[in-house]
């Protein structure tokens, strides 16, 4: 699938000790005031099976932050959402003001989060899962509803192997932010229902197709109790730029970053090959991976 507004790229890396921690499932409550978000605006997002004494329960919070490292020449994935909220005529009615794209402030100091869009895919998702298994990495899979419905066994496998899920709309329409509010709501709601029906649990996160955020998209996500998930590192693997290019982009990640990759929407052989190189390289740099 094409991604018209893929951005927030750049470079920034991570990886470290095993077993990989999981972000405790906490609900990120979205800021009321346009253009400003504080740590006080967040509450728990929650993690299945976590107990007070377990590592998962002690996991860091996922919090919406501003421009820790503003990308140059990029659109979408977070900055567009912030600008749209600022432009809102009645900002207090637009509850979400930022998109989560960093793990701060209480993630492990050396943590990054790996995310995958547009699956599950019958060919590429199993290959991605195998690479993750070999390198003992947990990730977050942003599922398209029609794909989840078509491949329910893969959704269950993703969960069984310890990964987490994110809502990526029912059919991945683009440009998403320009759709009527009723269509935006239906896309998110139908995907939520489809994923829950096959996986047995509902996602707590939502990622807009192509990172195409607007005040309206953020408001609908908030109404549905979903935290908006962006990214900090985008290797543009959806465009198949070559394995080396994907590796270079992902190796530029820094601790605290959310990384974007794809397991669906086309031939993902370059992504699979790149991951097999990048995951051990990032861990060798002292970084670890967390599922959101």
C-alpha atoms as a PDB file:
ATOM      1  CA  UNK A   1       0.000   0.000   0.000  1.00  0.00           C
ATOM      2  CA  UNK A   2       1.210   3.492  -0.798  1.00  0.00           C
ATOM      3  CA  UNK A   3       1.945   5.865   2.034  1.00  0.00           C
ATOM      4  CA  UNK A   4       1.609   9.429   0.854  1.00  0.00           C
ATOM      5  CA  UNK A   5       2.693  11.207   3.980  1.00  0.00           C
ATOM      6  CA  UNK A   6       5.353   8.982   5.479  1.00  0.00           C
ATOM      7  CA  UNK A   7       7.759  11.170   7.381  1.00  0.00           C
ATOM      8  CA  UNK A   8       9.307  11.768  10.770  1.00  0.00           C
ATOM      9  CA  UNK A   9      12.259   9.899   9.452  1.00  0.00           C
ATOM     10  CA  UNK A  10      15.766  10.743  10.016  1.00  0.00           C
ATOM     11  CA  UNK A  11      17.992   8.778  12.132  1.00  0.00           C
ATOM     12  CA  UNK A  12      18.192   7.790  15.675  1.00  0.00           C
ATOM     13  CA  UNK A  13      19.168   3.667  17.516  1.00  0.00           C
ATOM     14  CA  UNK A  14      18.730   1.368  20.482  1.00  0.00           C
ATOM     15  CA  UNK A  15      18.885  -2.430  22.092  1.00  0.00           C
ATOM     16  CA  UNK A  16      20.157  -4.342  25.255  1.00  0.00           C
ATOM     17  CA  UNK A  17      19.441  -6.902  27.935  1.00  0.00           C
ATOM     18  CA  UNK A  18      17.118  -9.877  27.773  1.00  0.00           C
ATOM     19  CA  UNK A  19      14.328 -10.572  28.349  1.00  0.00           C
ATOM     20  CA  UNK A  20      12.924  -7.582  26.530  1.00  0.00           C
ATOM     21  CA  UNK A  21      10.694  -5.415  28.745  1.00  0.00           C
ATOM     22  CA  UNK A  22       7.147  -4.569  27.781  1.00  0.00           C
ATOM     23  CA  UNK A  23       5.661  -1.137  28.262  1.00  0.00           C
ATOM     24  CA  UNK A  24       2.958  -1.558  30.860  1.00  0.00           C
ATOM     25  CA  UNK A  25      -0.402  -0.939  29.179  1.00  0.00           C
ATOM     26  CA  UNK A  26      -1.091   2.617  30.104  1.00  0.00           C
ATOM     27  CA  UNK A  27      -3.706   4.912  28.703  1.00  0.00           C
ATOM     28  CA  UNK A  28      -2.157   8.096  27.380  1.00  0.00           C
ATOM     29  CA  UNK A  29      -4.733  10.782  28.022  1.00  0.00           C
ATOM     30  CA  UNK A  30      -4.536  13.527  25.453  1.00  0.00           C
ATOM     31  CA  UNK A  31      -3.930  17.132  26.364  1.00  0.00           C
ATOM     32  CA  UNK A  32      -6.839  19.545  26.372  1.00  0.00           C
ATOM     33  CA  UNK A  33      -4.925  22.656  25.447  1.00  0.00           C
ATOM     34  CA  UNK A  34      -3.732  22.932  21.856  1.00  0.00           C
ATOM     35  CA  UNK A  35       0.024  22.998  21.405  1.00  0.00           C
ATOM     36  CA  UNK A  36       0.872  21.896  24.941  1.00  0.00           C
ATOM     37  CA  UNK A  37       1.116  18.526  26.642  1.00  0.00           C
ATOM     38  CA  UNK A  38       2.491  17.733  30.067  1.00  0.00           C
ATOM     39  CA  UNK A  39       3.418  14.488  31.758  1.00  0.00           C
ATOM     40  CA  UNK A  40       0.536  15.142  34.126  1.00  0.00           C
ATOM     41  CA  UNK A  41      -1.843  14.595  31.220  1.00  0.00           C
ATOM     42  CA  UNK A  42      -1.017  10.875  31.054  1.00  0.00           C
ATOM     43  CA  UNK A  43      -2.546   7.913  32.824  1.00  0.00           C
ATOM     44  CA  UNK A  44      -2.050   4.146  32.596  1.00  0.00           C
ATOM     45  CA  UNK A  45      -2.260   2.354  29.255  1.00  0.00           C
ATOM     46  CA  UNK A  46      -2.219  -1.142  30.785  1.00  0.00           C
ATOM     47  CA  UNK A  47      -0.342  -4.383  30.046  1.00  0.00           C
ATOM     48  CA  UNK A  48      -1.978  -7.769  29.880  1.00  0.00           C
ATOM     49  CA  UNK A  49      -0.929 -10.074  32.656  1.00  0.00           C
ATOM     50  CA  UNK A  50       1.224  -7.554  34.497  1.00  0.00           C
ATOM     51  CA  UNK A  51       1.271  -7.678  38.276  1.00  0.00           C
ATOM     52  CA  UNK A  52       2.605  -5.200  40.768  1.00  0.00           C
ATOM     53  CA  UNK A  53       5.707  -7.310  41.298  1.00  0.00           C
ATOM     54  CA  UNK A  54       6.327  -8.223  37.668  1.00  0.00           C
ATOM     55  CA  UNK A  55       8.816  -6.506  35.326  1.00  0.00           C
ATOM     56  CA  UNK A  56       5.903  -5.593  33.047  1.00  0.00           C
ATOM     57  CA  UNK A  57       4.145  -3.782  35.850  1.00  0.00           C
ATOM     58  CA  UNK A  58       7.310  -1.818  36.547  1.00  0.00           C
ATOM     59  CA  UNK A  59       7.705  -0.929  32.885  1.00  0.00           C
ATOM     60  CA  UNK A  60       7.957   2.697  31.824  1.00  0.00           C
ATOM     61  CA  UNK A  61       5.141   4.900  30.708  1.00  0.00           C
ATOM     62  CA  UNK A  62       4.546   5.912  27.129  1.00  0.00           C
ATOM     63  CA  UNK A  63       4.025   9.641  27.171  1.00  0.00           C
ATOM     64  CA  UNK A  64       3.200  12.211  24.505  1.00  0.00           C
ATOM     65  CA  UNK A  65       6.047  14.658  24.131  1.00  0.00           C
ATOM     66  CA  UNK A  66       6.850  17.641  21.990  1.00  0.00           C
ATOM     67  CA  UNK A  67       9.704  18.073  19.588  1.00  0.00           C
ATOM     68  CA  UNK A  68      12.593  16.504  21.471  1.00  0.00           C
ATOM     69  CA  UNK A  69      14.447  16.258  18.176  1.00  0.00           C
ATOM     70  CA  UNK A  70      12.399  18.092  15.570  1.00  0.00           C
ATOM     71  CA  UNK A  71      12.911  16.406  12.193  1.00  0.00           C
ATOM     72  CA  UNK A  72      13.879  18.598   9.298  1.00  0.00           C
ATOM     73  CA  UNK A  73      11.794  18.734   6.172  1.00  0.00           C
ATOM     74  CA  UNK A  74       9.227  16.205   7.400  1.00  0.00           C
ATOM     75  CA  UNK A  75       5.462  16.146   7.675  1.00  0.00           C
ATOM     76  CA  UNK A  76       2.960  13.816   9.249  1.00  0.00           C
ATOM     77  CA  UNK A  77       3.511  11.313  12.052  1.00  0.00           C
ATOM     78  CA  UNK A  78       3.211  13.923  14.781  1.00  0.00           C
ATOM     79  CA  UNK A  79       4.105  17.448  13.794  1.00  0.00           C
ATOM     80  CA  UNK A  80       1.086  17.804  11.506  1.00  0.00           C
ATOM     81  CA  UNK A  81      -1.187  16.738  14.324  1.00  0.00           C
ATOM     82  CA  UNK A  82       0.323  19.310  16.637  1.00  0.00           C
ATOM     83  CA  UNK A  83      -0.066  22.081  14.083  1.00  0.00           C
ATOM     84  CA  UNK A  84      -3.653  21.086  13.381  1.00  0.00           C
ATOM     85  CA  UNK A  85      -4.469  21.248  17.068  1.00  0.00           C
ATOM     86  CA  UNK A  86      -2.916  24.701  17.307  1.00  0.00           C
ATOM     87  CA  UNK A  87      -5.052  25.878  14.397  1.00  0.00           C
ATOM     88  CA  UNK A  88      -8.285  24.593  15.908  1.00  0.00           C
ATOM     89  CA  UNK A  89     -10.815  27.356  16.470  1.00  0.00           C
ATOM     90  CA  UNK A  90     -11.791  25.832  19.810  1.00  0.00           C
ATOM     91  CA  UNK A  91      -8.682  24.037  21.047  1.00  0.00           C
ATOM     92  CA  UNK A  92     -10.249  22.901  24.313  1.00  0.00           C
ATOM     93  CA  UNK A  93     -12.679  20.801  22.305  1.00  0.00           C
ATOM     94  CA  UNK A  94      -9.756  19.064  20.618  1.00  0.00           C
ATOM     95  CA  UNK A  95      -8.514  16.858  23.403  1.00  0.00           C
ATOM     96  CA  UNK A  96      -5.512  15.301  21.637  1.00  0.00           C
ATOM     97  CA  UNK A  97      -2.729  17.754  20.943  1.00  0.00           C
ATOM     98  CA  UNK A  98       0.241  15.483  20.329  1.00  0.00           C
ATOM     99  CA  UNK A  99       1.065  12.061  18.968  1.00  0.00           C
ATOM    100  CA  UNK A 100       3.120   9.577  20.958  1.00  0.00           C
ATOM    101  CA  UNK A 101       6.409   9.092  19.154  1.00  0.00           C
ATOM    102  CA  UNK A 102       8.969   8.825  21.935  1.00  0.00           C
ATOM    103  CA  UNK A 103       9.401   6.675  25.032  1.00  0.00           C
ATOM    104  CA  UNK A 104       9.842   9.257  27.779  1.00  0.00           C
ATOM    105  CA  UNK A 105      10.431   9.960  30.584  1.00  0.00           C
ATOM    106  CA  UNK A 106      10.499   6.660  32.434  1.00  0.00           C
ATOM    107  CA  UNK A 107      11.278   4.089  29.757  1.00  0.00           C
ATOM    108  CA  UNK A 108      14.515   2.186  30.286  1.00  0.00           C
ATOM    109  CA  UNK A 109      17.281   4.601  29.413  1.00  0.00           C
ATOM    110  CA  UNK A 110      18.404   2.344  26.564  1.00  0.00           C
ATOM    111  CA  UNK A 111      14.987   1.385  25.134  1.00  0.00           C
ATOM    112  CA  UNK A 112      13.481   1.698  21.670  1.00  0.00           C
ATOM    113  CA  UNK A 113      10.134   0.440  20.367  1.00  0.00           C
ATOM    114  CA  UNK A 114       9.854  -1.408  17.056  1.00  0.00           C
ATOM    115  CA  UNK A 115       6.494  -1.135  15.276  1.00  0.00           C
ATOM    116  CA  UNK A 116       5.126  -2.768  12.108  1.00  0.00           C
ATOM    117  CA  UNK A 117       2.353  -1.430   9.867  1.00  0.00           C
ATOM    118  CA  UNK A 118      -0.120  -2.824   7.330  1.00  0.00           C
ATOM    119  CA  UNK A 119      -0.261  -6.484   8.343  1.00  0.00           C
ATOM    120  CA  UNK A 120      -0.869  -9.161   9.022  1.00  0.00           C
ATOM    121  CA  UNK A 121       0.396 -10.516   5.699  1.00  0.00           C
ATOM    122  CA  UNK A 122       0.442 -14.270   5.015  1.00  0.00           C
ATOM    123  CA  UNK A 123       3.975 -14.198   3.589  1.00  0.00           C
ATOM    124  CA  UNK A 124       5.825 -11.414   5.364  1.00  0.00           C
ATOM    125  CA  UNK A 125       4.368 -11.366   8.857  1.00  0.00           C
ATOM    126  CA  UNK A 126       5.549 -14.935   9.601  1.00  0.00           C
ATOM    127  CA  UNK A 127       9.030 -14.051   8.344  1.00  0.00           C
ATOM    128  CA  UNK A 128       9.141 -10.916  10.481  1.00  0.00           C
ATOM    129  CA  UNK A 129       7.954 -12.907  13.489  1.00  0.00           C
ATOM    130  CA  UNK A 130      10.695 -15.453  12.930  1.00  0.00           C
ATOM    131  CA  UNK A 131      13.394 -12.771  12.878  1.00  0.00           C
ATOM    132  CA  UNK A 132      11.972 -11.285  16.067  1.00  0.00           C
ATOM    133  CA  UNK A 133      11.906 -14.734  17.690  1.00  0.00           C
ATOM    134  CA  UNK A 134      15.510 -15.488  16.782  1.00  0.00           C
ATOM    135  CA  UNK A 135      16.694 -12.176  18.230  1.00  0.00           C
ATOM    136  CA  UNK A 136      14.291 -12.258  21.195  1.00  0.00           C
ATOM    137  CA  UNK A 137      12.704  -8.924  20.330  1.00  0.00           C
ATOM    138  CA  UNK A 138       9.151  -7.872  21.176  1.00  0.00           C
ATOM    139  CA  UNK A 139       7.344  -5.408  18.909  1.00  0.00           C
ATOM    140  CA  UNK A 140       4.006  -3.712  18.286  1.00  0.00           C
ATOM    141  CA  UNK A 141       1.977  -4.642  15.193  1.00  0.00           C
ATOM    142  CA  UNK A 142      -0.344  -1.990  13.735  1.00  0.00           C
ATOM    143  CA  UNK A 143      -3.018  -4.095  12.063  1.00  0.00           C
ATOM    144  CA  UNK A 144      -5.393  -3.256   9.236  1.00  0.00           C
ATOM    145  CA  UNK A 145      -8.836  -4.625  10.052  1.00  0.00           C
ATOM    146  CA  UNK A 146      -9.463  -6.364   6.732  1.00  0.00           C
ATOM    147  CA  UNK A 147      -6.083  -8.076   6.997  1.00  0.00           C
ATOM    148  CA  UNK A 148      -6.750  -9.181  10.562  1.00  0.00           C
ATOM    149  CA  UNK A 149     -10.102 -10.613   9.514  1.00  0.00           C
ATOM    150  CA  UNK A 150      -8.522 -12.428   6.550  1.00  0.00           C
ATOM    151  CA  UNK A 151      -5.662 -13.896   8.606  1.00  0.00           C
ATOM    152  CA  UNK A 152      -6.946 -14.505  12.135  1.00  0.00           C
ATOM    153  CA  UNK A 153      -4.362 -17.187  12.904  1.00  0.00           C
ATOM    154  CA  UNK A 154      -1.582 -14.649  12.369  1.00  0.00           C
ATOM    155  CA  UNK A 155      -3.200 -12.198  14.774  1.00  0.00           C
ATOM    156  CA  UNK A 156      -3.348 -14.915  17.395  1.00  0.00           C
ATOM    157  CA  UNK A 157       0.255 -15.886  16.687  1.00  0.00           C
ATOM    158  CA  UNK A 158       1.421 -12.292  17.122  1.00  0.00           C
ATOM    159  CA  UNK A 159      -0.210 -12.193  20.537  1.00  0.00           C
ATOM    160  CA  UNK A 160       0.919 -15.685  21.519  1.00  0.00           C
ATOM    161  CA  UNK A 161       4.532 -14.708  20.871  1.00  0.00           C
ATOM    162  CA  UNK A 162       4.268 -11.769  23.258  1.00  0.00           C
ATOM    163  CA  UNK A 163       3.834  -8.868  20.853  1.00  0.00           C
ATOM    164  CA  UNK A 164       1.206  -6.143  21.160  1.00  0.00           C
ATOM    165  CA  UNK A 165      -1.413  -4.749  18.779  1.00  0.00           C
ATOM    166  CA  UNK A 166      -2.334  -1.316  17.454  1.00  0.00           C
ATOM    167  CA  UNK A 167      -5.365  -0.235  15.392  1.00  0.00           C
ATOM    168  CA  UNK A 168      -4.364   0.918  11.877  1.00  0.00           C
ATOM    169  CA  UNK A 169      -7.915   1.424  10.486  1.00  0.00           C
ATOM    170  CA  UNK A 170     -10.135  -1.052   8.691  1.00  0.00           C
ATOM    171  CA  UNK A 171      -9.020  -0.460   5.100  1.00  0.00           C
ATOM    172  CA  UNK A 172      -6.105   2.030   5.244  1.00  0.00           C
ATOM    173  CA  UNK A 173      -7.786   4.841   3.232  1.00  0.00           C
ATOM    174  CA  UNK A 174      -5.655   7.789   2.143  1.00  0.00           C
ATOM    175  CA  UNK A 175      -5.456  10.714   2.599  1.00  0.00           C
ATOM    176  CA  UNK A 176      -7.007   9.798   5.943  1.00  0.00           C
ATOM    177  CA  UNK A 177      -7.239  13.249   7.525  1.00  0.00           C
ATOM    178  CA  UNK A 178      -9.378  14.523   4.643  1.00  0.00           C
ATOM    179  CA  UNK A 179     -12.113  11.925   5.142  1.00  0.00           C
ATOM    180  CA  UNK A 180     -15.427  12.955   6.701  1.00  0.00           C
ATOM    181  CA  UNK A 181     -15.632  12.515  10.456  1.00  0.00           C
ATOM    182  CA  UNK A 182     -18.187   9.728  10.092  1.00  0.00           C
ATOM    183  CA  UNK A 183     -15.818   7.756   7.842  1.00  0.00           C
ATOM    184  CA  UNK A 184     -12.840   8.303  10.142  1.00  0.00           C
ATOM    185  CA  UNK A 185     -14.859   7.025  13.080  1.00  0.00           C
ATOM    186  CA  UNK A 186     -16.163   4.033  11.134  1.00  0.00           C
ATOM    187  CA  UNK A 187     -12.682   3.062   9.939  1.00  0.00           C
ATOM    188  CA  UNK A 188     -11.291   3.059  13.466  1.00  0.00           C
ATOM    189  CA  UNK A 189     -14.328   1.451  15.086  1.00  0.00           C
ATOM    190  CA  UNK A 190     -14.635  -1.348  12.535  1.00  0.00           C
ATOM    191  CA  UNK A 191     -10.931  -2.148  12.815  1.00  0.00           C
ATOM    192  CA  UNK A 192     -11.203  -2.233  16.592  1.00  0.00           C
ATOM    193  CA  UNK A 193     -14.076  -4.695  16.361  1.00  0.00           C
ATOM    194  CA  UNK A 194     -12.360  -6.878  13.743  1.00  0.00           C
ATOM    195  CA  UNK A 195      -9.102  -7.117  15.679  1.00  0.00           C
ATOM    196  CA  UNK A 196     -10.863  -7.863  18.955  1.00  0.00           C
ATOM    197  CA  UNK A 197     -13.014 -10.521  17.288  1.00  0.00           C
ATOM    198  CA  UNK A 198     -10.037 -12.542  16.057  1.00  0.00           C
ATOM    199  CA  UNK A 199      -7.461 -11.705  18.720  1.00  0.00           C
ATOM    200  CA  UNK A 200      -9.613 -11.689  21.807  1.00  0.00           C
ATOM    201  CA  UNK A 201      -8.442  -8.276  22.957  1.00  0.00           C
ATOM    202  CA  UNK A 202      -8.833  -4.689  21.814  1.00  0.00           C
ATOM    203  CA  UNK A 203      -5.884  -2.461  20.875  1.00  0.00           C
ATOM    204  CA  UNK A 204      -5.184   0.542  23.101  1.00  0.00           C
ATOM    205  CA  UNK A 205      -3.227   2.428  20.439  1.00  0.00           C
ATOM    206  CA  UNK A 206      -4.166   3.910  17.065  1.00  0.00           C
ATOM    207  CA  UNK A 207      -1.906   4.844  14.162  1.00  0.00           C
ATOM    208  CA  UNK A 208      -3.286   6.897  11.279  1.00  0.00           C
ATOM    209  CA  UNK A 209      -2.575   5.621   7.749  1.00  0.00           C
ATOM    210  CA  UNK A 210       0.552   7.314   6.474  1.00  0.00           C
ATOM    211  CA  UNK A 211       0.898   9.233   9.736  1.00  0.00           C
ATOM    212  CA  UNK A 212      -1.793  11.559   8.380  1.00  0.00           C
ATOM    213  CA  UNK A 213      -3.058  13.230  11.556  1.00  0.00           C
ATOM    214  CA  UNK A 214      -5.457  16.104  12.045  1.00  0.00           C
ATOM    215  CA  UNK A 215      -7.330  17.612  14.969  1.00  0.00           C
ATOM    216  CA  UNK A 216     -10.407  15.682  13.844  1.00  0.00           C
ATOM    217  CA  UNK A 217      -8.566  12.344  13.614  1.00  0.00           C
ATOM    218  CA  UNK A 218      -7.054  12.875  17.046  1.00  0.00           C
ATOM    219  CA  UNK A 219     -10.403  13.834  18.539  1.00  0.00           C
ATOM    220  CA  UNK A 220     -12.109  10.706  17.207  1.00  0.00           C
ATOM    221  CA  UNK A 221      -9.293   8.505  18.508  1.00  0.00           C
ATOM    222  CA  UNK A 222      -9.668  10.145  21.915  1.00  0.00           C
ATOM    223  CA  UNK A 223     -13.421   9.566  21.880  1.00  0.00           C
ATOM    224  CA  UNK A 224     -12.741   5.877  21.284  1.00  0.00           C
ATOM    225  CA  UNK A 225     -10.209   5.688  24.102  1.00  0.00           C
ATOM    226  CA  UNK A 226      -7.192   5.174  21.842  1.00  0.00           C
ATOM    227  CA  UNK A 227      -3.806   6.828  22.228  1.00  0.00           C
ATOM    228  CA  UNK A 228      -2.314   8.098  18.929  1.00  0.00           C
ATOM    229  CA  UNK A 229       0.911   6.328  18.005  1.00  0.00           C
ATOM    230  CA  UNK A 230       3.419   8.011  15.717  1.00  0.00           C
ATOM    231  CA  UNK A 231       7.103   7.288  15.159  1.00  0.00           C
ATOM    232  CA  UNK A 232      10.485   8.930  15.307  1.00  0.00           C
ATOM    233  CA  UNK A 233      12.491   6.783  12.858  1.00  0.00           C
ATOM    234  CA  UNK A 234      11.153   5.968   9.387  1.00  0.00           C
ATOM    235  CA  UNK A 235      13.377   3.961   7.009  1.00  0.00           C
ATOM    236  CA  UNK A 236      10.695   4.269   4.299  1.00  0.00           C
ATOM    237  CA  UNK A 237      10.874   0.517   3.826  1.00  0.00           C
ATOM    238  CA  UNK A 238       7.414   0.627   2.226  1.00  0.00           C
ATOM    239  CA  UNK A 239       9.105   2.189  -0.827  1.00  0.00           C
ATOM    240  CA  UNK A 240      11.674  -0.644  -1.025  1.00  0.00           C
ATOM    241  CA  UNK A 241      14.720   1.676  -1.049  1.00  0.00           C
ATOM    242  CA  UNK A 242      17.137  -1.240  -0.715  1.00  0.00           C
ATOM    243  CA  UNK A 243      18.232  -3.268   2.294  1.00  0.00           C
ATOM    244  CA  UNK A 244      21.292  -1.107   2.967  1.00  0.00           C
ATOM    245  CA  UNK A 245      19.189   2.070   3.048  1.00  0.00           C
ATOM    246  CA  UNK A 246      16.763   0.507   5.525  1.00  0.00           C
ATOM    247  CA  UNK A 247      19.648  -0.655   7.707  1.00  0.00           C
ATOM    248  CA  UNK A 248      21.271   2.783   7.710  1.00  0.00           C
ATOM    249  CA  UNK A 249      18.050   4.513   8.724  1.00  0.00           C
ATOM    250  CA  UNK A 250      17.252   2.093  11.533  1.00  0.00           C
ATOM    251  CA  UNK A 251      20.812   2.112  12.840  1.00  0.00           C
ATOM    252  CA  UNK A 252      20.469   5.872  13.284  1.00  0.00           C
ATOM    253  CA  UNK A 253      17.873   5.313  16.032  1.00  0.00           C
ATOM    254  CA  UNK A 254      18.509   6.566  19.548  1.00  0.00           C
ATOM    255  CA  UNK A 255      17.280   5.440  22.931  1.00  0.00           C
ATOM    256  CA  UNK A 256      13.671   6.507  23.430  1.00  0.00           C
ATOM    257  CA  UNK A 257      12.710   6.325  19.757  1.00  0.00           C
ATOM    258  CA  UNK A 258       9.741   4.595  18.169  1.00  0.00           C
ATOM    259  CA  UNK A 259      10.800   2.846  14.947  1.00  0.00           C
ATOM    260  CA  UNK A 260       8.508   2.303  11.957  1.00  0.00           C
ATOM    261  CA  UNK A 261       8.658  -0.725   9.647  1.00  0.00           C
ATOM    262  CA  UNK A 262       6.155  -2.696   7.564  1.00  0.00           C
ATOM    263  CA  UNK A 263       5.117  -6.332   7.435  1.00  0.00           C
ATOM    264  CA  UNK A 264       2.341  -5.797   4.885  1.00  0.00           C
ATOM    265  CA  UNK A 265       1.319  -3.717   1.899  1.00  0.00           C
ATOM    266  CA  UNK A 266       3.771  -5.227  -0.571  1.00  0.00           C
ATOM    267  CA  UNK A 267       7.032  -7.119  -0.929  1.00  0.00           C
ATOM    268  CA  UNK A 268       8.777  -6.833   2.440  1.00  0.00           C
ATOM    269  CA  UNK A 269      11.812  -9.005   1.685  1.00  0.00           C
ATOM    270  CA  UNK A 270      14.124  -6.003   2.098  1.00  0.00           C
ATOM    271  CA  UNK A 271      12.639  -5.263   5.504  1.00  0.00           C
ATOM    272  CA  UNK A 272      13.073  -8.856   6.678  1.00  0.00           C
ATOM    273  CA  UNK A 273      16.696  -8.947   5.531  1.00  0.00           C
ATOM    274  CA  UNK A 274      17.419  -5.554   7.085  1.00  0.00           C
ATOM    275  CA  UNK A 275      15.937  -6.565  10.439  1.00  0.00           C
ATOM    276  CA  UNK A 276      18.203  -9.598  10.636  1.00  0.00           C
ATOM    277  CA  UNK A 277      21.162  -7.209  10.412  1.00  0.00           C
ATOM    278  CA  UNK A 278      19.822  -4.304  12.444  1.00  0.00           C
ATOM    279  CA  UNK A 279      18.454  -6.024  15.532  1.00  0.00           C
ATOM    280  CA  UNK A 280      21.771  -7.520  16.689  1.00  0.00           C
ATOM    281  CA  UNK A 281      23.584  -4.314  15.720  1.00  0.00           C
ATOM    282  CA  UNK A 282      21.302  -2.168  17.859  1.00  0.00           C
ATOM    283  CA  UNK A 283      21.560  -4.540  20.787  1.00  0.00           C
ATOM    284  CA  UNK A 284      25.349  -4.518  20.444  1.00  0.00           C
ATOM    285  CA  UNK A 285      25.156  -0.756  20.932  1.00  0.00           C
ATOM    286  CA  UNK A 286      23.521  -1.327  24.304  1.00  0.00           C
ATOM    287  CA  UNK A 287      19.909  -0.807  23.279  1.00  0.00           C
ATOM    288  CA  UNK A 288      16.858  -2.906  24.186  1.00  0.00           C
ATOM    289  CA  UNK A 289      13.415  -3.275  22.650  1.00  0.00           C
ATOM    290  CA  UNK A 290      10.039  -2.731  24.314  1.00  0.00           C
ATOM    291  CA  UNK A 291       6.529  -3.591  23.147  1.00  0.00           C
ATOM    292  CA  UNK A 292       4.028  -0.778  23.605  1.00  0.00           C
END
